[in-house]
């Protein structure tokens, strides 16, 4: 099965000499939710902007549903809906007028039924005759999504879609994204809210300093790189970790009141039993213990800090 987006050796160097993207190779499958994570300035928006035809690449090839984004610009762009990070709407137009105009820009014939469905799905139908300047920031972001969906694209790019919106609206948007995926739309998402990627994505890509350092199924990533931590709440605080415990690479926490042991859940032996036995031999008693699984945020921070 051909990927719906194919990226080969894509690079971008700006006139200032900044290498925004080093050679990027990536395939995105039809119907998946792909989350692109990276710190500010990592190249997320540049990558999306090139695929969507907003920024010209310096080198490489990008194909959207088999169409080259340079040679077949119109055909490739018609497949894509883009929700940019910045709010850019026709302030003095009504919601209905601006969404209808967006559809017309792609040469699509009038389809009031489709536009009504989009507005209803985004809880905007009651605001269809309202001027955009009267809407809240969250409502304006919904209008941006409605504009991106107006021409019935096969691919939807969401660049920080929930930035600045409240938790309720964020969860409504997550539900909408899942509904779109069920309808066959491919979703590419960039976000600073790592729980957003953990909640929704099928696959995750991590980009840092213009380089794609990892692409992995979310579940496989959590299994492969996820660690667990065992925290022992001590009966009496320690000033330092005894040298005989050095092989366990323990950390002191909570002003010496706790010992933290990090272990690999995939290892044949976790080392917990041996650790507890050694603590008993040393007379180090504990009153409670808890385990914690690494989150996607922990994994992301680790990858960006130590990309090798």
C-alpha atoms as a PDB file:
ATOM      1  CA  UNK A   1       0.000   0.000   0.000  1.00  0.00           C
ATOM      2  CA  UNK A   2       1.420   3.375  -1.043  1.00  0.00           C
ATOM      3  CA  UNK A   3       1.877   6.009   1.674  1.00  0.00           C
ATOM      4  CA  UNK A   4      -0.419   9.009   1.410  1.00  0.00           C
ATOM      5  CA  UNK A   5       2.587  11.266   2.104  1.00  0.00           C
ATOM      6  CA  UNK A   6       6.096  10.328   0.997  1.00  0.00           C
ATOM      7  CA  UNK A   7       9.091  12.498   1.939  1.00  0.00           C
ATOM      8  CA  UNK A   8      12.561  11.752   0.571  1.00  0.00           C
ATOM      9  CA  UNK A   9      15.745  13.634   1.495  1.00  0.00           C
ATOM     10  CA  UNK A  10      13.829  16.842   2.206  1.00  0.00           C
ATOM     11  CA  UNK A  11      15.999  19.795   3.241  1.00  0.00           C
ATOM     12  CA  UNK A  12      15.472  23.486   3.917  1.00  0.00           C
ATOM     13  CA  UNK A  13      18.152  26.136   4.257  1.00  0.00           C
ATOM     14  CA  UNK A  14      17.046  29.753   4.620  1.00  0.00           C
ATOM     15  CA  UNK A  15      18.832  32.706   3.011  1.00  0.00           C
ATOM     16  CA  UNK A  16      20.330  33.512   6.414  1.00  0.00           C
ATOM     17  CA  UNK A  17      22.203  30.207   6.285  1.00  0.00           C
ATOM     18  CA  UNK A  18      20.039  28.540   8.916  1.00  0.00           C
ATOM     19  CA  UNK A  19      19.587  24.817   8.212  1.00  0.00           C
ATOM     20  CA  UNK A  20      15.960  24.454   9.273  1.00  0.00           C
ATOM     21  CA  UNK A  21      15.653  20.865   8.003  1.00  0.00           C
ATOM     22  CA  UNK A  22      18.376  18.288   7.543  1.00  0.00           C
ATOM     23  CA  UNK A  23      17.556  15.414   5.156  1.00  0.00           C
ATOM     24  CA  UNK A  24      14.122  14.189   6.247  1.00  0.00           C
ATOM     25  CA  UNK A  25      12.784  10.801   5.150  1.00  0.00           C
ATOM     26  CA  UNK A  26       9.287   9.882   6.248  1.00  0.00           C
ATOM     27  CA  UNK A  27       6.214   8.015   5.074  1.00  0.00           C
ATOM     28  CA  UNK A  28       2.755   8.681   6.513  1.00  0.00           C
ATOM     29  CA  UNK A  29       0.027   6.094   6.069  1.00  0.00           C
ATOM     30  CA  UNK A  30      -3.543   6.776   4.991  1.00  0.00           C
ATOM     31  CA  UNK A  31      -5.992   6.973   7.883  1.00  0.00           C
ATOM     32  CA  UNK A  32      -3.453   7.297  10.696  1.00  0.00           C
ATOM     33  CA  UNK A  33      -2.964   9.992  13.307  1.00  0.00           C
ATOM     34  CA  UNK A  34       0.687  10.991  13.206  1.00  0.00           C
ATOM     35  CA  UNK A  35       1.991  13.267  15.967  1.00  0.00           C
ATOM     36  CA  UNK A  36       5.108  15.339  15.335  1.00  0.00           C
ATOM     37  CA  UNK A  37       6.819  16.401  18.534  1.00  0.00           C
ATOM     38  CA  UNK A  38       9.743  18.725  19.023  1.00  0.00           C
ATOM     39  CA  UNK A  39      10.878  21.767  20.995  1.00  0.00           C
ATOM     40  CA  UNK A  40      10.467  25.309  19.703  1.00  0.00           C
ATOM     41  CA  UNK A  41      12.576  25.892  16.607  1.00  0.00           C
ATOM     42  CA  UNK A  42      12.971  22.177  15.903  1.00  0.00           C
ATOM     43  CA  UNK A  43      11.531  22.434  12.388  1.00  0.00           C
ATOM     44  CA  UNK A  44       7.959  21.190  12.884  1.00  0.00           C
ATOM     45  CA  UNK A  45       6.217  24.147  11.257  1.00  0.00           C
ATOM     46  CA  UNK A  46       8.794  24.341   8.457  1.00  0.00           C
ATOM     47  CA  UNK A  47       8.194  20.697   7.596  1.00  0.00           C
ATOM     48  CA  UNK A  48       4.417  21.130   7.542  1.00  0.00           C
ATOM     49  CA  UNK A  49       4.666  24.369   5.564  1.00  0.00           C
ATOM     50  CA  UNK A  50       6.726  22.675   2.851  1.00  0.00           C
ATOM     51  CA  UNK A  51       4.321  19.742   2.505  1.00  0.00           C
ATOM     52  CA  UNK A  52       1.402  22.183   2.274  1.00  0.00           C
ATOM     53  CA  UNK A  53       3.105  24.315  -0.373  1.00  0.00           C
ATOM     54  CA  UNK A  54       3.516  27.396   1.815  1.00  0.00           C
ATOM     55  CA  UNK A  55       7.343  27.234   1.928  1.00  0.00           C
ATOM     56  CA  UNK A  56       9.650  26.065  -0.869  1.00  0.00           C
ATOM     57  CA  UNK A  57      12.066  23.231  -0.075  1.00  0.00           C
ATOM     58  CA  UNK A  58      15.811  23.513  -0.733  1.00  0.00           C
ATOM     59  CA  UNK A  59      16.046  19.901  -1.841  1.00  0.00           C
ATOM     60  CA  UNK A  60      14.326  16.545  -1.827  1.00  0.00           C
ATOM     61  CA  UNK A  61      10.996  15.200  -3.022  1.00  0.00           C
ATOM     62  CA  UNK A  62       7.573  15.276  -1.362  1.00  0.00           C
ATOM     63  CA  UNK A  63       4.560  13.469  -2.782  1.00  0.00           C
ATOM     64  CA  UNK A  64       0.993  13.816  -1.524  1.00  0.00           C
ATOM     65  CA  UNK A  65      -1.275  10.958  -2.572  1.00  0.00           C
ATOM     66  CA  UNK A  66       1.145  10.328  -5.441  1.00  0.00           C
ATOM     67  CA  UNK A  67       1.323  13.984  -6.552  1.00  0.00           C
ATOM     68  CA  UNK A  68       4.623  15.855  -6.449  1.00  0.00           C
ATOM     69  CA  UNK A  69       4.131  19.046  -4.408  1.00  0.00           C
ATOM     70  CA  UNK A  70       6.171  21.085  -6.917  1.00  0.00           C
ATOM     71  CA  UNK A  71       5.146  19.668 -10.297  1.00  0.00           C
ATOM     72  CA  UNK A  72       1.561  18.836  -9.299  1.00  0.00           C
ATOM     73  CA  UNK A  73       0.994  21.700  -6.882  1.00  0.00           C
ATOM     74  CA  UNK A  74      -2.738  22.153  -7.462  1.00  0.00           C
ATOM     75  CA  UNK A  75      -3.529  18.428  -7.271  1.00  0.00           C
ATOM     76  CA  UNK A  76      -1.488  17.904  -4.105  1.00  0.00           C
ATOM     77  CA  UNK A  77      -2.746  21.044  -2.348  1.00  0.00           C
ATOM     78  CA  UNK A  78      -6.384  20.087  -2.986  1.00  0.00           C
ATOM     79  CA  UNK A  79      -5.823  16.914  -0.944  1.00  0.00           C
ATOM     80  CA  UNK A  80      -4.705  18.921   2.095  1.00  0.00           C
ATOM     81  CA  UNK A  81      -6.482  20.893   4.791  1.00  0.00           C
ATOM     82  CA  UNK A  82      -4.187  23.078   6.917  1.00  0.00           C
ATOM     83  CA  UNK A  83      -4.969  24.582  10.301  1.00  0.00           C
ATOM     84  CA  UNK A  84      -2.022  26.915  11.005  1.00  0.00           C
ATOM     85  CA  UNK A  85      -0.839  27.842  14.453  1.00  0.00           C
ATOM     86  CA  UNK A  86      -1.703  31.521  14.024  1.00  0.00           C
ATOM     87  CA  UNK A  87      -5.333  32.620  14.011  1.00  0.00           C
ATOM     88  CA  UNK A  88      -5.984  34.134  10.572  1.00  0.00           C
ATOM     89  CA  UNK A  89      -9.636  34.714   9.783  1.00  0.00           C
ATOM     90  CA  UNK A  90     -11.792  37.199   7.898  1.00  0.00           C
ATOM     91  CA  UNK A  91     -12.722  39.330  10.895  1.00  0.00           C
ATOM     92  CA  UNK A  92     -15.719  41.108   9.355  1.00  0.00           C
ATOM     93  CA  UNK A  93     -17.193  38.080   7.568  1.00  0.00           C
ATOM     94  CA  UNK A  94     -19.722  35.661   9.015  1.00  0.00           C
ATOM     95  CA  UNK A  95     -18.722  32.117   9.875  1.00  0.00           C
ATOM     96  CA  UNK A  96     -20.805  30.732   7.009  1.00  0.00           C
ATOM     97  CA  UNK A  97     -19.398  33.157   4.439  1.00  0.00           C
ATOM     98  CA  UNK A  98     -15.749  32.524   5.292  1.00  0.00           C
ATOM     99  CA  UNK A  99     -16.146  28.738   5.259  1.00  0.00           C
ATOM    100  CA  UNK A 100     -18.049  28.859   1.983  1.00  0.00           C
ATOM    101  CA  UNK A 101     -15.350  31.101   0.467  1.00  0.00           C
ATOM    102  CA  UNK A 102     -12.611  28.671   1.552  1.00  0.00           C
ATOM    103  CA  UNK A 103     -14.389  25.848  -0.256  1.00  0.00           C
ATOM    104  CA  UNK A 104     -14.634  27.961  -3.402  1.00  0.00           C
ATOM    105  CA  UNK A 105     -10.895  28.679  -3.358  1.00  0.00           C
ATOM    106  CA  UNK A 106     -10.307  25.011  -4.174  1.00  0.00           C
ATOM    107  CA  UNK A 107     -12.734  25.066  -7.070  1.00  0.00           C
ATOM    108  CA  UNK A 108     -15.301  22.948  -5.255  1.00  0.00           C
ATOM    109  CA  UNK A 109     -18.979  23.398  -6.163  1.00  0.00           C
ATOM    110  CA  UNK A 110     -21.436  24.611  -3.529  1.00  0.00           C
ATOM    111  CA  UNK A 111     -22.354  21.932  -1.014  1.00  0.00           C
ATOM    112  CA  UNK A 112     -24.380  23.483   1.832  1.00  0.00           C
ATOM    113  CA  UNK A 113     -25.041  20.064   3.352  1.00  0.00           C
ATOM    114  CA  UNK A 114     -21.318  19.374   3.775  1.00  0.00           C
ATOM    115  CA  UNK A 115     -20.636  22.802   5.255  1.00  0.00           C
ATOM    116  CA  UNK A 116     -23.550  22.407   7.658  1.00  0.00           C
ATOM    117  CA  UNK A 117     -22.200  19.045   8.821  1.00  0.00           C
ATOM    118  CA  UNK A 118     -18.735  20.516   9.384  1.00  0.00           C
ATOM    119  CA  UNK A 119     -20.140  23.426  11.402  1.00  0.00           C
ATOM    120  CA  UNK A 120     -22.387  21.153  13.449  1.00  0.00           C
ATOM    121  CA  UNK A 121     -19.501  18.754  14.170  1.00  0.00           C
ATOM    122  CA  UNK A 122     -17.491  21.712  15.460  1.00  0.00           C
ATOM    123  CA  UNK A 123     -20.383  23.130  17.508  1.00  0.00           C
ATOM    124  CA  UNK A 124     -20.434  26.199  15.258  1.00  0.00           C
ATOM    125  CA  UNK A 125     -23.852  25.873  13.641  1.00  0.00           C
ATOM    126  CA  UNK A 126     -25.515  28.257  16.074  1.00  0.00           C
ATOM    127  CA  UNK A 127     -22.812  30.811  15.229  1.00  0.00           C
ATOM    128  CA  UNK A 128     -23.010  30.464  11.434  1.00  0.00           C
ATOM    129  CA  UNK A 129     -24.411  34.002  10.986  1.00  0.00           C
ATOM    130  CA  UNK A 130     -22.140  35.611  13.589  1.00  0.00           C
ATOM    131  CA  UNK A 131     -19.261  37.810  12.470  1.00  0.00           C
ATOM    132  CA  UNK A 132     -15.926  36.243  13.332  1.00  0.00           C
ATOM    133  CA  UNK A 133     -14.773  39.320  15.259  1.00  0.00           C
ATOM    134  CA  UNK A 134     -17.471  38.587  17.851  1.00  0.00           C
ATOM    135  CA  UNK A 135     -16.227  35.054  18.581  1.00  0.00           C
ATOM    136  CA  UNK A 136     -13.989  33.881  21.400  1.00  0.00           C
ATOM    137  CA  UNK A 137     -10.461  32.657  20.688  1.00  0.00           C
ATOM    138  CA  UNK A 138     -11.567  29.036  21.005  1.00  0.00           C
ATOM    139  CA  UNK A 139     -14.450  29.587  18.581  1.00  0.00           C
ATOM    140  CA  UNK A 140     -12.112  31.274  16.092  1.00  0.00           C
ATOM    141  CA  UNK A 141      -9.856  28.229  16.200  1.00  0.00           C
ATOM    142  CA  UNK A 142     -12.866  26.032  15.423  1.00  0.00           C
ATOM    143  CA  UNK A 143     -13.579  28.275  12.427  1.00  0.00           C
ATOM    144  CA  UNK A 144      -9.994  27.671  11.250  1.00  0.00           C
ATOM    145  CA  UNK A 145     -10.630  23.935  11.369  1.00  0.00           C
ATOM    146  CA  UNK A 146     -13.956  24.356   9.556  1.00  0.00           C
ATOM    147  CA  UNK A 147     -12.196  26.305   6.783  1.00  0.00           C
ATOM    148  CA  UNK A 148      -9.579  23.550   6.470  1.00  0.00           C
ATOM    149  CA  UNK A 149     -12.309  20.902   6.148  1.00  0.00           C
ATOM    150  CA  UNK A 150     -14.541  22.878   3.800  1.00  0.00           C
ATOM    151  CA  UNK A 151     -13.119  21.338   0.610  1.00  0.00           C
ATOM    152  CA  UNK A 152     -13.241  17.736   1.917  1.00  0.00           C
ATOM    153  CA  UNK A 153      -9.477  17.065   2.108  1.00  0.00           C
ATOM    154  CA  UNK A 154      -8.018  13.569   2.531  1.00  0.00           C
ATOM    155  CA  UNK A 155      -5.262  14.907   4.814  1.00  0.00           C
ATOM    156  CA  UNK A 156      -5.577  17.370   7.685  1.00  0.00           C
ATOM    157  CA  UNK A 157      -2.599  19.180   9.207  1.00  0.00           C
ATOM    158  CA  UNK A 158      -3.141  20.581  12.687  1.00  0.00           C
ATOM    159  CA  UNK A 159      -0.293  22.860  13.796  1.00  0.00           C
ATOM    160  CA  UNK A 160      -0.721  23.351  17.559  1.00  0.00           C
ATOM    161  CA  UNK A 161      -4.528  23.132  17.216  1.00  0.00           C
ATOM    162  CA  UNK A 162      -5.351  23.471  20.905  1.00  0.00           C
ATOM    163  CA  UNK A 163      -2.903  26.228  21.817  1.00  0.00           C
ATOM    164  CA  UNK A 164      -4.686  28.731  24.022  1.00  0.00           C
ATOM    165  CA  UNK A 165      -7.974  26.835  24.297  1.00  0.00           C
ATOM    166  CA  UNK A 166      -9.536  25.518  27.477  1.00  0.00           C
ATOM    167  CA  UNK A 167      -9.517  21.876  28.539  1.00  0.00           C
ATOM    168  CA  UNK A 168     -13.155  21.270  27.563  1.00  0.00           C
ATOM    169  CA  UNK A 169     -12.659  22.546  24.020  1.00  0.00           C
ATOM    170  CA  UNK A 170      -9.409  20.608  23.745  1.00  0.00           C
ATOM    171  CA  UNK A 171     -11.183  17.355  24.522  1.00  0.00           C
ATOM    172  CA  UNK A 172     -13.969  18.217  22.073  1.00  0.00           C
ATOM    173  CA  UNK A 173     -11.328  18.703  19.391  1.00  0.00           C
ATOM    174  CA  UNK A 174      -9.730  15.366  20.252  1.00  0.00           C
ATOM    175  CA  UNK A 175     -13.118  13.704  19.775  1.00  0.00           C
ATOM    176  CA  UNK A 176     -13.546  15.490  16.449  1.00  0.00           C
ATOM    177  CA  UNK A 177     -10.106  14.327  15.277  1.00  0.00           C
ATOM    178  CA  UNK A 178     -10.978  10.712  16.084  1.00  0.00           C
ATOM    179  CA  UNK A 179     -14.237  11.057  14.139  1.00  0.00           C
ATOM    180  CA  UNK A 180     -12.335  12.398  11.127  1.00  0.00           C
ATOM    181  CA  UNK A 181      -9.881   9.513  11.298  1.00  0.00           C
ATOM    182  CA  UNK A 182     -12.794   7.055  11.386  1.00  0.00           C
ATOM    183  CA  UNK A 183     -14.060   8.733   8.205  1.00  0.00           C
ATOM    184  CA  UNK A 184     -10.716   8.016   6.527  1.00  0.00           C
ATOM    185  CA  UNK A 185      -8.986  11.382   6.957  1.00  0.00           C
ATOM    186  CA  UNK A 186      -5.254  11.232   7.698  1.00  0.00           C
ATOM    187  CA  UNK A 187      -4.288  13.540  10.575  1.00  0.00           C
ATOM    188  CA  UNK A 188      -0.834  15.057  11.100  1.00  0.00           C
ATOM    189  CA  UNK A 189      -0.609  16.850  14.409  1.00  0.00           C
ATOM    190  CA  UNK A 190       2.051  19.043  15.978  1.00  0.00           C
ATOM    191  CA  UNK A 191       1.590  19.882  19.612  1.00  0.00           C
ATOM    192  CA  UNK A 192       3.298  21.167  22.738  1.00  0.00           C
ATOM    193  CA  UNK A 193       0.786  19.224  24.829  1.00  0.00           C
ATOM    194  CA  UNK A 194       2.516  15.876  24.960  1.00  0.00           C
ATOM    195  CA  UNK A 195      -0.513  14.271  26.606  1.00  0.00           C
ATOM    196  CA  UNK A 196      -2.341  15.140  23.397  1.00  0.00           C
ATOM    197  CA  UNK A 197      -0.010  12.904  21.390  1.00  0.00           C
ATOM    198  CA  UNK A 198      -0.136  10.221  24.062  1.00  0.00           C
ATOM    199  CA  UNK A 199      -3.936  10.317  23.977  1.00  0.00           C
ATOM    200  CA  UNK A 200      -4.497  10.277  20.219  1.00  0.00           C
ATOM    201  CA  UNK A 201      -1.530   9.327  18.052  1.00  0.00           C
ATOM    202  CA  UNK A 202      -0.982   6.024  16.283  1.00  0.00           C
ATOM    203  CA  UNK A 203       2.625   6.898  15.506  1.00  0.00           C
ATOM    204  CA  UNK A 204       4.976   9.535  16.857  1.00  0.00           C
ATOM    205  CA  UNK A 205       7.862  11.347  15.207  1.00  0.00           C
ATOM    206  CA  UNK A 206      10.353  13.379  17.218  1.00  0.00           C
ATOM    207  CA  UNK A 207      12.204  16.200  15.470  1.00  0.00           C
ATOM    208  CA  UNK A 208      15.100  18.103  17.022  1.00  0.00           C
ATOM    209  CA  UNK A 209      17.355  20.738  15.431  1.00  0.00           C
ATOM    210  CA  UNK A 210      15.887  20.031  12.006  1.00  0.00           C
ATOM    211  CA  UNK A 211      16.536  16.304  12.198  1.00  0.00           C
ATOM    212  CA  UNK A 212      13.942  13.545  12.516  1.00  0.00           C
ATOM    213  CA  UNK A 213      15.497  11.503  15.298  1.00  0.00           C
ATOM    214  CA  UNK A 214      12.774   8.927  15.790  1.00  0.00           C
ATOM    215  CA  UNK A 215       9.595   7.600  14.178  1.00  0.00           C
ATOM    216  CA  UNK A 216       7.814   4.841  16.067  1.00  0.00           C
ATOM    217  CA  UNK A 217       4.445   3.292  16.798  1.00  0.00           C
ATOM    218  CA  UNK A 218       3.284   4.882  20.031  1.00  0.00           C
ATOM    219  CA  UNK A 219       2.739   1.576  21.811  1.00  0.00           C
ATOM    220  CA  UNK A 220       6.130   0.248  20.676  1.00  0.00           C
ATOM    221  CA  UNK A 221       7.821   3.482  21.738  1.00  0.00           C
ATOM    222  CA  UNK A 222       6.313   3.293  25.202  1.00  0.00           C
ATOM    223  CA  UNK A 223       7.406  -0.333  25.515  1.00  0.00           C
ATOM    224  CA  UNK A 224      10.891   0.129  24.076  1.00  0.00           C
ATOM    225  CA  UNK A 225      11.881   3.332  25.844  1.00  0.00           C
ATOM    226  CA  UNK A 226       9.511   3.404  28.786  1.00  0.00           C
ATOM    227  CA  UNK A 227      11.076   2.858  32.175  1.00  0.00           C
ATOM    228  CA  UNK A 228       9.606   2.281  35.580  1.00  0.00           C
ATOM    229  CA  UNK A 229      10.671   3.909  38.789  1.00  0.00           C
ATOM    230  CA  UNK A 230      10.443   2.316  42.209  1.00  0.00           C
ATOM    231  CA  UNK A 231      10.319   4.905  44.994  1.00  0.00           C
ATOM    232  CA  UNK A 232      11.029   3.729  48.533  1.00  0.00           C
ATOM    233  CA  UNK A 233       9.887   6.014  51.356  1.00  0.00           C
ATOM    234  CA  UNK A 234      12.483   5.517  54.086  1.00  0.00           C
ATOM    235  CA  UNK A 235      11.909   5.156  57.813  1.00  0.00           C
ATOM    236  CA  UNK A 236      14.932   7.377  58.473  1.00  0.00           C
ATOM    237  CA  UNK A 237      16.503   9.871  56.054  1.00  0.00           C
ATOM    238  CA  UNK A 238      19.897   9.219  54.465  1.00  0.00           C
ATOM    239  CA  UNK A 239      22.618  11.826  54.043  1.00  0.00           C
ATOM    240  CA  UNK A 240      24.150   9.852  51.188  1.00  0.00           C
ATOM    241  CA  UNK A 241      23.713   6.582  49.345  1.00  0.00           C
ATOM    242  CA  UNK A 242      26.041   3.864  50.721  1.00  0.00           C
ATOM    243  CA  UNK A 243      28.852   2.907  48.329  1.00  0.00           C
ATOM    244  CA  UNK A 244      27.744  -0.725  48.398  1.00  0.00           C
ATOM    245  CA  UNK A 245      24.521   0.344  46.640  1.00  0.00           C
ATOM    246  CA  UNK A 246      26.385   2.041  43.762  1.00  0.00           C
ATOM    247  CA  UNK A 247      25.623  -0.780  41.239  1.00  0.00           C
ATOM    248  CA  UNK A 248      21.900   0.039  41.513  1.00  0.00           C
ATOM    249  CA  UNK A 249      22.374   3.677  40.411  1.00  0.00           C
ATOM    250  CA  UNK A 250      19.918   4.922  43.014  1.00  0.00           C
ATOM    251  CA  UNK A 251      18.916   8.545  43.529  1.00  0.00           C
ATOM    252  CA  UNK A 252      18.120  10.301  46.784  1.00  0.00           C
ATOM    253  CA  UNK A 253      14.921  12.318  46.759  1.00  0.00           C
ATOM    254  CA  UNK A 254      12.663  14.250  49.126  1.00  0.00           C
ATOM    255  CA  UNK A 255      15.603  15.565  51.204  1.00  0.00           C
ATOM    256  CA  UNK A 256      16.942  12.073  51.813  1.00  0.00           C
ATOM    257  CA  UNK A 257      13.557  10.647  52.761  1.00  0.00           C
ATOM    258  CA  UNK A 258      13.250   8.526  49.601  1.00  0.00           C
ATOM    259  CA  UNK A 259      15.323   6.279  47.370  1.00  0.00           C
ATOM    260  CA  UNK A 260      14.454   6.122  43.663  1.00  0.00           C
ATOM    261  CA  UNK A 261      15.382   3.077  41.586  1.00  0.00           C
ATOM    262  CA  UNK A 262      14.884   3.158  37.792  1.00  0.00           C
ATOM    263  CA  UNK A 263      14.586  -0.179  36.018  1.00  0.00           C
ATOM    264  CA  UNK A 264      13.811  -1.585  32.593  1.00  0.00           C
ATOM    265  CA  UNK A 265      10.491  -3.415  32.478  1.00  0.00           C
ATOM    266  CA  UNK A 266      11.686  -5.436  29.465  1.00  0.00           C
ATOM    267  CA  UNK A 267      14.802  -6.785  31.190  1.00  0.00           C
ATOM    268  CA  UNK A 268      14.972 -10.429  32.271  1.00  0.00           C
ATOM    269  CA  UNK A 269      15.749  -9.311  35.823  1.00  0.00           C
ATOM    270  CA  UNK A 270      14.555  -5.990  37.207  1.00  0.00           C
ATOM    271  CA  UNK A 271      16.960  -6.155  40.142  1.00  0.00           C
ATOM    272  CA  UNK A 272      14.258  -5.199  42.637  1.00  0.00           C
ATOM    273  CA  UNK A 273      14.482  -8.374  44.696  1.00  0.00           C
ATOM    274  CA  UNK A 274      18.258  -8.074  45.015  1.00  0.00           C
ATOM    275  CA  UNK A 275      17.951  -4.394  45.914  1.00  0.00           C
ATOM    276  CA  UNK A 276      15.412  -5.032  48.673  1.00  0.00           C
ATOM    277  CA  UNK A 277      17.577  -7.835  50.056  1.00  0.00           C
ATOM    278  CA  UNK A 278      20.634  -5.566  50.107  1.00  0.00           C
ATOM    279  CA  UNK A 279      18.717  -2.762  51.840  1.00  0.00           C
ATOM    280  CA  UNK A 280      17.637  -5.239  54.511  1.00  0.00           C
ATOM    281  CA  UNK A 281      21.242  -6.357  55.011  1.00  0.00           C
ATOM    282  CA  UNK A 282      22.293  -2.740  55.465  1.00  0.00           C
ATOM    283  CA  UNK A 283      19.490  -2.053  57.932  1.00  0.00           C
ATOM    284  CA  UNK A 284      17.843   0.531  55.693  1.00  0.00           C
ATOM    285  CA  UNK A 285      14.134   0.224  56.381  1.00  0.00           C
ATOM    286  CA  UNK A 286      11.332   1.674  54.297  1.00  0.00           C
ATOM    287  CA  UNK A 287       7.700   2.343  55.196  1.00  0.00           C
ATOM    288  CA  UNK A 288       6.146   2.525  51.752  1.00  0.00           C
ATOM    289  CA  UNK A 289       6.922   2.016  48.087  1.00  0.00           C
ATOM    290  CA  UNK A 290       5.362   3.107  44.803  1.00  0.00           C
ATOM    291  CA  UNK A 291       6.073   2.372  41.159  1.00  0.00           C
ATOM    292  CA  UNK A 292       5.613   4.824  38.291  1.00  0.00           C
ATOM    293  CA  UNK A 293       5.684   4.172  34.543  1.00  0.00           C
ATOM    294  CA  UNK A 294       7.516   6.684  32.359  1.00  0.00           C
ATOM    295  CA  UNK A 295       5.160   8.947  30.433  1.00  0.00           C
ATOM    296  CA  UNK A 296       5.587   9.994  26.818  1.00  0.00           C
ATOM    297  CA  UNK A 297       6.791  13.335  28.173  1.00  0.00           C
ATOM    298  CA  UNK A 298       9.650  11.620  30.033  1.00  0.00           C
ATOM    299  CA  UNK A 299      10.599   9.755  26.857  1.00  0.00           C
ATOM    300  CA  UNK A 300      10.409  12.907  24.739  1.00  0.00           C
ATOM    301  CA  UNK A 301      12.614  14.912  27.102  1.00  0.00           C
ATOM    302  CA  UNK A 302      15.129  12.065  27.195  1.00  0.00           C
ATOM    303  CA  UNK A 303      15.249  11.798  23.395  1.00  0.00           C
ATOM    304  CA  UNK A 304      15.666  15.535  22.796  1.00  0.00           C
ATOM    305  CA  UNK A 305      18.291  15.839  25.534  1.00  0.00           C
ATOM    306  CA  UNK A 306      20.202  12.776  24.321  1.00  0.00           C
ATOM    307  CA  UNK A 307      19.340  12.270  20.640  1.00  0.00           C
ATOM    308  CA  UNK A 308      22.063   9.709  20.128  1.00  0.00           C
END
